[in-house]
Amino acid sequence: MPAPLDKLSRELRAAILAGDHALANRIAPKYAEAVREFWDTVPASDRAGSTVPRVARELLTWARGMTIVQRAIAADQLGVVQRTKRYNQERLERVRTSSIQVRV
């Protein structure tokens, strides 16, 4: 794999693993363009034995799968936060509406 593709591949993996989807969205098109540009330079006789298409497909498939998993985890965590917020609001309302009597 050519050095520019390796570098972009590492950057894309790092961005996805860090959950930096904005950065990953900027790197992915650059990676795809770099693959296309590299592929255009490969002689037709060498294309059949090249691992570039397989490696690129594996990377992009992995990136898609990881993004789906991370979004599902984030959605679950958001659900927990929302349930906790509702629970705490209900508790606060009960405390506000309850009457405490102090006898002297």
PDB file of N, CA and C in Angstrom:
ATOM      1  N   MET A   1       0.858  -1.176   0.000  1.00  0.00           N
ATOM      2  CA  MET A   1       0.000   0.000   0.000  1.00  0.00           C
ATOM      3  C   MET A   1       0.900   1.233   0.000  1.00  0.00           C
ATOM      4  N   PRO A   2       0.626   2.172  -0.856  1.00  0.00           N
ATOM      5  CA  PRO A   2       1.426   3.399  -0.909  1.00  0.00           C
ATOM      6  C   PRO A   2       1.342   4.186   0.404  1.00  0.00           C
ATOM      7  N   ALA A   3       2.408   4.921   0.693  1.00  0.00           N
ATOM      8  CA  ALA A   3       2.497   5.670   1.953  1.00  0.00           C
ATOM      9  C   ALA A   3       1.345   6.643   2.174  1.00  0.00           C
ATOM     10  N   PRO A   4       0.920   7.428   1.168  1.00  0.00           N
ATOM     11  CA  PRO A   4      -0.201   8.348   1.421  1.00  0.00           C
ATOM     12  C   PRO A   4      -1.487   7.606   1.803  1.00  0.00           C
ATOM     13  N   LEU A   5      -1.717   6.448   1.181  1.00  0.00           N
ATOM     14  CA  LEU A   5      -2.904   5.665   1.526  1.00  0.00           C
ATOM     15  C   LEU A   5      -2.796   5.100   2.941  1.00  0.00           C
ATOM     16  N   ASP A   6      -1.613   4.627   3.291  1.00  0.00           N
ATOM     17  CA  ASP A   6      -1.405   4.120   4.655  1.00  0.00           C
ATOM     18  C   ASP A   6      -1.645   5.218   5.686  1.00  0.00           C
ATOM     19  N   LYS A   7      -1.126   6.407   5.409  1.00  0.00           N
ATOM     20  CA  LYS A   7      -1.287   7.523   6.343  1.00  0.00           C
ATOM     21  C   LYS A   7      -2.763   7.877   6.504  1.00  0.00           C
ATOM     22  N   LEU A   8      -3.481   8.009   5.383  1.00  0.00           N
ATOM     23  CA  LEU A   8      -4.901   8.337   5.452  1.00  0.00           C
ATOM     24  C   LEU A   8      -5.697   7.215   6.126  1.00  0.00           C
ATOM     25  N   SER A   9      -5.292   5.986   5.871  1.00  0.00           N
ATOM     26  CA  SER A   9      -5.952   4.841   6.497  1.00  0.00           C
ATOM     27  C   SER A   9      -5.809   4.905   8.015  1.00  0.00           C
ATOM     28  N   ARG A  10      -4.597   5.170   8.494  1.00  0.00           N
ATOM     29  CA  ARG A  10      -4.360   5.283   9.940  1.00  0.00           C
ATOM     30  C   ARG A  10      -5.139   6.447  10.540  1.00  0.00           C
ATOM     31  N   GLU A  11      -5.162   7.576   9.823  1.00  0.00           N
ATOM     32  CA  GLU A  11      -5.889   8.749  10.313  1.00  0.00           C
ATOM     33  C   GLU A  11      -7.393   8.464  10.401  1.00  0.00           C
ATOM     34  N   LEU A  12      -7.919   7.773   9.394  1.00  0.00           N
ATOM     35  CA  LEU A  12      -9.348   7.443   9.394  1.00  0.00           C
ATOM     36  C   LEU A  12      -9.680   6.498  10.544  1.00  0.00           C
ATOM     37  N   ARG A  13      -8.867   5.461  10.713  1.00  0.00           N
ATOM     38  CA  ARG A  13      -9.098   4.533  11.831  1.00  0.00           C
ATOM     39  C   ARG A  13      -9.021   5.253  13.180  1.00  0.00           C
ATOM     40  N   ALA A  14      -8.035   6.103  13.338  1.00  0.00           N
ATOM     41  CA  ALA A  14      -7.866   6.825  14.603  1.00  0.00           C
ATOM     42  C   ALA A  14      -9.055   7.742  14.870  1.00  0.00           C
ATOM     43  N   ALA A  15      -9.530   8.430  13.844  1.00  0.00           N
ATOM     44  CA  ALA A  15     -10.674   9.330  14.021  1.00  0.00           C
ATOM     45  C   ALA A  15     -11.918   8.552  14.424  1.00  0.00           C
ATOM     46  N   ILE A  16     -12.132   7.412  13.796  1.00  0.00           N
ATOM     47  CA  ILE A  16     -13.321   6.610  14.121  1.00  0.00           C
ATOM     48  C   ILE A  16     -13.205   6.032  15.518  1.00  0.00           C
ATOM     49  N   LEU A  17     -12.047   5.503  15.851  1.00  0.00           N
ATOM     50  CA  LEU A  17     -11.872   4.937  17.196  1.00  0.00           C
ATOM     51  C   LEU A  17     -12.015   6.003  18.284  1.00  0.00           C
ATOM     52  N   ALA A  18     -11.642   7.237  17.963  1.00  0.00           N
ATOM     53  CA  ALA A  18     -11.774   8.335  18.925  1.00  0.00           C
ATOM     54  C   ALA A  18     -13.197   8.883  18.951  1.00  0.00           C
ATOM     55  N   GLY A  19     -14.036   8.424  18.039  1.00  0.00           N
ATOM     56  CA  GLY A  19     -15.400   8.923  17.980  1.00  0.00           C
ATOM     57  C   GLY A  19     -15.493  10.306  17.357  1.00  0.00           C
ATOM     58  N   ASP A  20     -14.454  10.717  16.645  1.00  0.00           N
ATOM     59  CA  ASP A  20     -14.446  12.025  15.999  1.00  0.00           C
ATOM     60  C   ASP A  20     -15.006  11.869  14.584  1.00  0.00           C
ATOM     61  N   HIS A  21     -16.319  11.832  14.503  1.00  0.00           N
ATOM     62  CA  HIS A  21     -16.967  11.560  13.228  1.00  0.00           C
ATOM     63  C   HIS A  21     -16.859  12.737  12.260  1.00  0.00           C
ATOM     64  N   ALA A  22     -16.730  13.940  12.773  1.00  0.00           N
ATOM     65  CA  ALA A  22     -16.531  15.095  11.889  1.00  0.00           C
ATOM     66  C   ALA A  22     -15.200  14.953  11.149  1.00  0.00           C
ATOM     67  N   LEU A  23     -14.161  14.575  11.880  1.00  0.00           N
ATOM     68  CA  LEU A  23     -12.856  14.369  11.249  1.00  0.00           C
ATOM     69  C   LEU A  23     -12.910  13.187  10.283  1.00  0.00           C
ATOM     70  N   ALA A  24     -13.558  12.114  10.697  1.00  0.00           N
ATOM     71  CA  ALA A  24     -13.679  10.943   9.820  1.00  0.00           C
ATOM     72  C   ALA A  24     -14.409  11.309   8.530  1.00  0.00           C
ATOM     73  N   ASN A  25     -15.428  12.166   8.630  1.00  0.00           N
ATOM     74  CA  ASN A  25     -16.157  12.602   7.436  1.00  0.00           C
ATOM     75  C   ASN A  25     -15.287  13.433   6.505  1.00  0.00           C
ATOM     76  N   ARG A  26     -14.272  14.081   7.043  1.00  0.00           N
ATOM     77  CA  ARG A  26     -13.351  14.839   6.188  1.00  0.00           C
ATOM     78  C   ARG A  26     -12.284  13.921   5.580  1.00  0.00           C
ATOM     79  N   ILE A  27     -11.869  12.911   6.318  1.00  0.00           N
ATOM     80  CA  ILE A  27     -10.796  12.030   5.848  1.00  0.00           C
ATOM     81  C   ILE A  27     -11.302  11.011   4.829  1.00  0.00           C
ATOM     82  N   ALA A  28     -12.492  10.463   5.030  1.00  0.00           N
ATOM     83  CA  ALA A  28     -12.999   9.396   4.151  1.00  0.00           C
ATOM     84  C   ALA A  28     -12.998   9.785   2.678  1.00  0.00           C
ATOM     85  N   PRO A  29     -13.495  10.962   2.304  1.00  0.00           N
ATOM     86  CA  PRO A  29     -13.423  11.320   0.874  1.00  0.00           C
ATOM     87  C   PRO A  29     -11.985  11.486   0.366  1.00  0.00           C
ATOM     88  N   LYS A  30     -11.119  11.983   1.238  1.00  0.00           N
ATOM     89  CA  LYS A  30      -9.708  12.109   0.845  1.00  0.00           C
ATOM     90  C   LYS A  30      -9.114  10.732   0.586  1.00  0.00           C
ATOM     91  N   TYR A  31      -9.454   9.781   1.444  1.00  0.00           N
ATOM     92  CA  TYR A  31      -8.958   8.408   1.279  1.00  0.00           C
ATOM     93  C   TYR A  31      -9.486   7.825  -0.038  1.00  0.00           C
ATOM     94  N   ALA A  32     -10.780   7.969  -0.279  1.00  0.00           N
ATOM     95  CA  ALA A  32     -11.374   7.439  -1.510  1.00  0.00           C
ATOM     96  C   ALA A  32     -10.723   8.070  -2.745  1.00  0.00           C
ATOM     97  N   GLU A  33     -10.485   9.367  -2.687  1.00  0.00           N
ATOM     98  CA  GLU A  33      -9.841  10.050  -3.814  1.00  0.00           C
ATOM     99  C   GLU A  33      -8.400   9.565  -3.989  1.00  0.00           C
ATOM    100  N   ALA A  34      -7.686   9.367  -2.904  1.00  0.00           N
ATOM    101  CA  ALA A  34      -6.307   8.876  -2.986  1.00  0.00           C
ATOM    102  C   ALA A  34      -6.267   7.469  -3.577  1.00  0.00           C
ATOM    103  N   VAL A  35      -7.235   6.632  -3.201  1.00  0.00           N
ATOM    104  CA  VAL A  35      -7.310   5.280  -3.780  1.00  0.00           C
ATOM    105  C   VAL A  35      -7.555   5.379  -5.277  1.00  0.00           C
ATOM    106  N   ARG A  36      -8.493   6.233  -5.680  1.00  0.00           N
ATOM    107  CA  ARG A  36      -8.796   6.389  -7.106  1.00  0.00           C
ATOM    108  C   ARG A  36      -7.574   6.888  -7.873  1.00  0.00           C
ATOM    109  N   GLU A  37      -6.905   7.896  -7.320  1.00  0.00           N
ATOM    110  CA  GLU A  37      -5.719   8.430  -7.993  1.00  0.00           C
ATOM    111  C   GLU A  37      -4.618   7.381  -8.104  1.00  0.00           C
ATOM    112  N   PHE A  38      -4.420   6.618  -7.023  1.00  0.00           N
ATOM    113  CA  PHE A  38      -3.414   5.565  -7.077  1.00  0.00           C
ATOM    114  C   PHE A  38      -3.795   4.528  -8.124  1.00  0.00           C
ATOM    115  N   TRP A  39      -5.062   4.137  -8.118  1.00  0.00           N
ATOM    116  CA  TRP A  39      -5.531   3.095  -9.031  1.00  0.00           C
ATOM    117  C   TRP A  39      -5.345   3.522 -10.488  1.00  0.00           C
ATOM    118  N   ASP A  40      -5.522   4.797 -10.735  1.00  0.00           N
ATOM    119  CA  ASP A  40      -5.328   5.303 -12.105  1.00  0.00           C
ATOM    120  C   ASP A  40      -3.879   5.184 -12.556  1.00  0.00           C
ATOM    121  N   THR A  41      -2.945   5.123 -11.618  1.00  0.00           N
ATOM    122  CA  THR A  41      -1.529   5.021 -11.980  1.00  0.00           C
ATOM    123  C   THR A  41      -1.054   3.575 -12.117  1.00  0.00           C
ATOM    124  N   VAL A  42      -1.858   2.630 -11.632  1.00  0.00           N
ATOM    125  CA  VAL A  42      -1.463   1.219 -11.682  1.00  0.00           C
ATOM    126  C   VAL A  42      -1.696   0.691 -13.100  1.00  0.00           C
ATOM    127  N   PRO A  43      -0.676   0.098 -13.696  1.00  0.00           N
ATOM    128  CA  PRO A  43      -0.847  -0.474 -15.037  1.00  0.00           C
ATOM    129  C   PRO A  43      -1.907  -1.583 -15.024  1.00  0.00           C
ATOM    130  N   ALA A  44      -2.632  -1.702 -16.094  1.00  0.00           N
ATOM    131  CA  ALA A  44      -3.702  -2.705 -16.196  1.00  0.00           C
ATOM    132  C   ALA A  44      -3.189  -4.110 -15.893  1.00  0.00           C
ATOM    133  N   SER A  45      -1.958  -4.392 -16.266  1.00  0.00           N
ATOM    134  CA  SER A  45      -1.389  -5.728 -16.049  1.00  0.00           C
ATOM    135  C   SER A  45      -1.167  -6.017 -14.558  1.00  0.00           C
ATOM    136  N   ASP A  46      -1.006  -4.973 -13.729  1.00  0.00           N
ATOM    137  CA  ASP A  46      -0.761  -5.159 -12.300  1.00  0.00           C
ATOM    138  C   ASP A  46      -2.036  -5.091 -11.456  1.00  0.00           C
ATOM    139  N   ARG A  47      -3.113  -4.675 -12.052  1.00  0.00           N
ATOM    140  CA  ARG A  47      -4.349  -4.471 -11.275  1.00  0.00           C
ATOM    141  C   ARG A  47      -4.929  -5.776 -10.728  1.00  0.00           C
ATOM    142  N   ALA A  48      -4.823  -6.850 -11.493  1.00  0.00           N
ATOM    143  CA  ALA A  48      -5.412  -8.121 -11.063  1.00  0.00           C
ATOM    144  C   ALA A  48      -4.792  -8.625  -9.760  1.00  0.00           C
ATOM    145  N   GLY A  49      -3.520  -8.382  -9.567  1.00  0.00           N
ATOM    146  CA  GLY A  49      -2.839  -8.861  -8.371  1.00  0.00           C
ATOM    147  C   GLY A  49      -2.768  -7.850  -7.238  1.00  0.00           C
ATOM    148  N   SER A  50      -3.338  -6.677  -7.439  1.00  0.00           N
ATOM    149  CA  SER A  50      -3.244  -5.626  -6.431  1.00  0.00           C
ATOM    150  C   SER A  50      -4.177  -5.895  -5.248  1.00  0.00           C
ATOM    151  N   THR A  51      -3.669  -5.587  -4.076  1.00  0.00           N
ATOM    152  CA  THR A  51      -4.480  -5.754  -2.862  1.00  0.00           C
ATOM    153  C   THR A  51      -5.207  -4.465  -2.482  1.00  0.00           C
ATOM    154  N   VAL A  52      -4.951  -3.405  -3.210  1.00  0.00           N
ATOM    155  CA  VAL A  52      -5.533  -2.099  -2.862  1.00  0.00           C
ATOM    156  C   VAL A  52      -7.064  -2.142  -2.809  1.00  0.00           C
ATOM    157  N   PRO A  53      -7.762  -2.699  -3.801  1.00  0.00           N
ATOM    158  CA  PRO A  53      -9.225  -2.711  -3.709  1.00  0.00           C
ATOM    159  C   PRO A  53      -9.739  -3.480  -2.481  1.00  0.00           C
ATOM    160  N   ARG A  54      -9.117  -4.615  -2.188  1.00  0.00           N
ATOM    161  CA  ARG A  54      -9.545  -5.408  -1.033  1.00  0.00           C
ATOM    162  C   ARG A  54      -9.304  -4.657   0.269  1.00  0.00           C
ATOM    163  N   VAL A  55      -8.133  -4.066   0.392  1.00  0.00           N
ATOM    164  CA  VAL A  55      -7.783  -3.332   1.619  1.00  0.00           C
ATOM    165  C   VAL A  55      -8.704  -2.123   1.795  1.00  0.00           C
ATOM    166  N   ALA A  56      -8.954  -1.401   0.714  1.00  0.00           N
ATOM    167  CA  ALA A  56      -9.833  -0.223   0.788  1.00  0.00           C
ATOM    168  C   ALA A  56     -11.249  -0.642   1.174  1.00  0.00           C
ATOM    169  N   ARG A  57     -11.746  -1.710   0.576  1.00  0.00           N
ATOM    170  CA  ARG A  57     -13.084  -2.201   0.889  1.00  0.00           C
ATOM    171  C   ARG A  57     -13.171  -2.636   2.351  1.00  0.00           C
ATOM    172  N   GLU A  58     -12.151  -3.349   2.832  1.00  0.00           N
ATOM    173  CA  GLU A  58     -12.134  -3.787   4.234  1.00  0.00           C
ATOM    174  C   GLU A  58     -12.135  -2.598   5.184  1.00  0.00           C
ATOM    175  N   LEU A  59     -11.318  -1.577   4.870  1.00  0.00           N
ATOM    176  CA  LEU A  59     -11.255  -0.397   5.725  1.00  0.00           C
ATOM    177  C   LEU A  59     -12.602   0.315   5.768  1.00  0.00           C
ATOM    178  N   LEU A  60     -13.190   0.548   4.613  1.00  0.00           N
ATOM    179  CA  LEU A  60     -14.452   1.281   4.575  1.00  0.00           C
ATOM    180  C   LEU A  60     -15.596   0.462   5.182  1.00  0.00           C
ATOM    181  N   THR A  61     -15.565  -0.844   5.026  1.00  0.00           N
ATOM    182  CA  THR A  61     -16.573  -1.705   5.670  1.00  0.00           C
ATOM    183  C   THR A  61     -16.416  -1.651   7.179  1.00  0.00           C
ATOM    184  N   TRP A  62     -15.168  -1.724   7.643  1.00  0.00           N
ATOM    185  CA  TRP A  62     -14.898  -1.625   9.082  1.00  0.00           C
ATOM    186  C   TRP A  62     -15.365  -0.274   9.616  1.00  0.00           C
ATOM    187  N   ALA A  63     -15.047   0.798   8.891  1.00  0.00           N
ATOM    188  CA  ALA A  63     -15.419   2.151   9.321  1.00  0.00           C
ATOM    189  C   ALA A  63     -16.935   2.269   9.435  1.00  0.00           C
ATOM    190  N   ARG A  64     -17.643   1.749   8.474  1.00  0.00           N
ATOM    191  CA  ARG A  64     -19.112   1.794   8.508  1.00  0.00           C
ATOM    192  C   ARG A  64     -19.645   1.020   9.711  1.00  0.00           C
ATOM    193  N   GLY A  65     -19.130  -0.189   9.904  1.00  0.00           N
ATOM    194  CA  GLY A  65     -19.588  -1.015  11.029  1.00  0.00           C
ATOM    195  C   GLY A  65     -19.307  -0.364  12.373  1.00  0.00           C
ATOM    196  N   MET A  66     -18.117   0.181  12.534  1.00  0.00           N
ATOM    197  CA  MET A  66     -17.762   0.842  13.797  1.00  0.00           C
ATOM    198  C   MET A  66     -18.638   2.061  14.046  1.00  0.00           C
ATOM    199  N   THR A  67     -18.926   2.800  12.994  1.00  0.00           N
ATOM    200  CA  THR A  67     -19.771   3.984  13.139  1.00  0.00           C
ATOM    201  C   THR A  67     -21.175   3.584  13.560  1.00  0.00           C
ATOM    202  N   ILE A  68     -21.699   2.521  12.985  1.00  0.00           N
ATOM    203  CA  ILE A  68     -23.030   2.029  13.363  1.00  0.00           C
ATOM    204  C   ILE A  68     -23.044   1.609  14.830  1.00  0.00           C
ATOM    205  N   VAL A  69     -22.016   0.885  15.254  1.00  0.00           N
ATOM    206  CA  VAL A  69     -21.929   0.439  16.650  1.00  0.00           C
ATOM    207  C   VAL A  69     -21.823   1.644  17.591  1.00  0.00           C
ATOM    208  N   GLN A  70     -20.971   2.600  17.251  1.00  0.00           N
ATOM    209  CA  GLN A  70     -20.801   3.779  18.110  1.00  0.00           C
ATOM    210  C   GLN A  70     -22.081   4.590  18.203  1.00  0.00           C
ATOM    211  N   ARG A  71     -22.812   4.698  17.113  1.00  0.00           N
ATOM    212  CA  ARG A  71     -24.087   5.432  17.150  1.00  0.00           C
ATOM    213  C   ARG A  71     -25.109   4.701  18.011  1.00  0.00           C
ATOM    214  N   ALA A  72     -25.122   3.375  17.946  1.00  0.00           N
ATOM    215  CA  ALA A  72     -26.045   2.605  18.784  1.00  0.00           C
ATOM    216  C   ALA A  72     -25.704   2.776  20.261  1.00  0.00           C
ATOM    217  N   ILE A  73     -24.428   2.756  20.576  1.00  0.00           N
ATOM    218  CA  ILE A  73     -23.994   2.955  21.971  1.00  0.00           C
ATOM    219  C   ILE A  73     -24.380   4.360  22.430  1.00  0.00           C
ATOM    220  N   ALA A  74     -24.149   5.354  21.591  1.00  0.00           N
ATOM    221  CA  ALA A  74     -24.504   6.730  21.953  1.00  0.00           C
ATOM    222  C   ALA A  74     -26.007   6.865  22.160  1.00  0.00           C
ATOM    223  N   ALA A  75     -26.795   6.206  21.319  1.00  0.00           N
ATOM    224  CA  ALA A  75     -28.256   6.269  21.471  1.00  0.00           C
ATOM    225  C   ALA A  75     -28.681   5.630  22.793  1.00  0.00           C
ATOM    226  N   ASP A  76     -28.064   4.508  23.153  1.00  0.00           N
ATOM    227  CA  ASP A  76     -28.368   3.865  24.442  1.00  0.00           C
ATOM    228  C   ASP A  76     -28.002   4.778  25.600  1.00  0.00           C
ATOM    229  N   GLN A  77     -26.846   5.399  25.518  1.00  0.00           N
ATOM    230  CA  GLN A  77     -26.413   6.303  26.595  1.00  0.00           C
ATOM    231  C   GLN A  77     -27.335   7.514  26.694  1.00  0.00           C
ATOM    232  N   LEU A  78     -27.774   8.038  25.573  1.00  0.00           N
ATOM    233  CA  LEU A  78     -28.710   9.154  25.586  1.00  0.00           C
ATOM    234  C   LEU A  78     -30.027   8.735  26.227  1.00  0.00           C
ATOM    235  N   GLY A  79     -30.468   7.518  25.943  1.00  0.00           N
ATOM    236  CA  GLY A  79     -31.685   7.013  26.560  1.00  0.00           C
ATOM    237  C   GLY A  79     -31.568   6.956  28.074  1.00  0.00           C
ATOM    238  N   VAL A  80     -30.422   6.516  28.566  1.00  0.00           N
ATOM    239  CA  VAL A  80     -30.193   6.463  30.011  1.00  0.00           C
ATOM    240  C   VAL A  80     -30.229   7.865  30.606  1.00  0.00           C
ATOM    241  N   VAL A  81     -29.594   8.805  29.943  1.00  0.00           N
ATOM    242  CA  VAL A  81     -29.586  10.188  30.432  1.00  0.00           C
ATOM    243  C   VAL A  81     -31.010  10.748  30.456  1.00  0.00           C
ATOM    244  N   GLN A  82     -31.777  10.502  29.423  1.00  0.00           N
ATOM    245  CA  GLN A  82     -33.145  11.014  29.361  1.00  0.00           C
ATOM    246  C   GLN A  82     -34.026  10.386  30.454  1.00  0.00           C
ATOM    247  N   ARG A  83     -33.887   9.078  30.672  1.00  0.00           N
ATOM    248  CA  ARG A  83     -34.668   8.417  31.724  1.00  0.00           C
ATOM    249  C   ARG A  83     -34.279   8.943  33.096  1.00  0.00           C
ATOM    250  N   THR A  84     -32.989   9.128  33.307  1.00  0.00           N
ATOM    251  CA  THR A  84     -32.511   9.655  34.591  1.00  0.00           C
ATOM    252  C   THR A  84     -33.034  11.065  34.816  1.00  0.00           C
ATOM    253  N   LYS A  85     -33.035  11.866  33.777  1.00  0.00           N
ATOM    254  CA  LYS A  85     -33.537  13.237  33.887  1.00  0.00           C
ATOM    255  C   LYS A  85     -35.020  13.220  34.262  1.00  0.00           C
ATOM    256  N   ARG A  86     -35.814  12.396  33.573  1.00  0.00           N
ATOM    257  CA  ARG A  86     -37.246  12.323  33.896  1.00  0.00           C
ATOM    258  C   ARG A  86     -37.465  11.853  35.327  1.00  0.00           C
ATOM    259  N   TYR A  87     -36.704  10.849  35.740  1.00  0.00           N
ATOM    260  CA  TYR A  87     -36.830  10.319  37.095  1.00  0.00           C
ATOM    261  C   TYR A  87     -36.508  11.411  38.117  1.00  0.00           C
ATOM    262  N   ASN A  88     -35.433  12.129  37.900  1.00  0.00           N
ATOM    263  CA  ASN A  88     -35.043  13.189  38.838  1.00  0.00           C
ATOM    264  C   ASN A  88     -36.048  14.338  38.847  1.00  0.00           C
ATOM    265  N   GLN A  89     -36.632  14.658  37.699  1.00  0.00           N
ATOM    266  CA  GLN A  89     -37.652  15.698  37.658  1.00  0.00           C
ATOM    267  C   GLN A  89     -38.888  15.269  38.449  1.00  0.00           C
ATOM    268  N   GLU A  90     -39.270  14.011  38.293  1.00  0.00           N
ATOM    269  CA  GLU A  90     -40.420  13.503  39.043  1.00  0.00           C
ATOM    270  C   GLU A  90     -40.143  13.535  40.541  1.00  0.00           C
ATOM    271  N   ARG A  91     -38.960  13.149  40.944  1.00  0.00           N
ATOM    272  CA  ARG A  91     -38.605  13.195  42.368  1.00  0.00           C
ATOM    273  C   ARG A  91     -38.632  14.613  42.887  1.00  0.00           C
ATOM    274  N   LEU A  92     -38.111  15.552  42.108  1.00  0.00           N
ATOM    275  CA  LEU A  92     -38.095  16.945  42.508  1.00  0.00           C
ATOM    276  C   LEU A  92     -39.521  17.476  42.666  1.00  0.00           C
ATOM    277  N   GLU A  93     -40.401  17.104  41.744  1.00  0.00           N
ATOM    278  CA  GLU A  93     -41.795  17.537  41.845  1.00  0.00           C
ATOM    279  C   GLU A  93     -42.464  16.964  43.094  1.00  0.00           C
ATOM    280  N   ARG A  94     -42.185  15.716  43.427  1.00  0.00           N
ATOM    281  CA  ARG A  94     -42.765  15.114  44.638  1.00  0.00           C
ATOM    282  C   ARG A  94     -42.280  15.842  45.880  1.00  0.00           C
ATOM    283  N   VAL A  95     -41.013  16.205  45.894  1.00  0.00           N
ATOM    284  CA  VAL A  95     -40.463  16.919  47.048  1.00  0.00           C
ATOM    285  C   VAL A  95     -41.108  18.298  47.163  1.00  0.00           C
ATOM    286  N   ARG A  96     -41.288  18.977  46.046  1.00  0.00           N
ATOM    287  CA  ARG A  96     -41.885  20.308  46.049  1.00  0.00           C
ATOM    288  C   ARG A  96     -43.344  20.283  46.506  1.00  0.00           C
ATOM    289  N   THR A  97     -44.054  19.241  46.115  1.00  0.00           N
ATOM    290  CA  THR A  97     -45.484  19.189  46.430  1.00  0.00           C
ATOM    291  C   THR A  97     -45.781  18.530  47.768  1.00  0.00           C
ATOM    292  N   SER A  98     -44.800  17.872  48.314  1.00  0.00           N
ATOM    293  CA  SER A  98     -45.059  17.230  49.604  1.00  0.00           C
ATOM    294  C   SER A  98     -45.080  18.289  50.695  1.00  0.00           C
ATOM    295  N   SER A  99     -45.878  18.033  51.681  1.00  0.00           N
ATOM    296  CA  SER A  99     -45.949  18.999  52.781  1.00  0.00           C
ATOM    297  C   SER A  99     -45.240  18.404  53.987  1.00  0.00           C
ATOM    298  N   ILE A 100     -44.387  19.181  54.536  1.00  0.00           N
ATOM    299  CA  ILE A 100     -43.685  18.752  55.742  1.00  0.00           C
ATOM    300  C   ILE A 100     -44.248  19.531  56.888  1.00  0.00           C
ATOM    301  N   GLN A 101     -44.689  18.799  57.878  1.00  0.00           N
ATOM    302  CA  GLN A 101     -45.261  19.446  59.057  1.00  0.00           C
ATOM    303  C   GLN A 101     -44.295  19.315  60.201  1.00  0.00           C
ATOM    304  N   VAL A 102     -44.080  20.427  60.824  1.00  0.00           N
ATOM    305  CA  VAL A 102     -43.188  20.441  61.988  1.00  0.00           C
ATOM    306  C   VAL A 102     -44.051  20.785  63.203  1.00  0.00           C
ATOM    307  N   ARG A 103     -43.996  19.940  64.195  1.00  0.00           N
ATOM    308  CA  ARG A 103     -44.752  20.194  65.418  1.00  0.00           C
ATOM    309  C   ARG A 103     -43.797  20.731  66.477  1.00  0.00           C
ATOM    310  N   VAL A 104     -44.263  21.710  67.128  1.00  0.00           N
ATOM    311  CA  VAL A 104     -43.440  22.323  68.168  1.00  0.00           C
ATOM    312  C   VAL A 104     -44.015  21.992  69.525  1.00  0.00           C
TER     313      VAL A 104
END
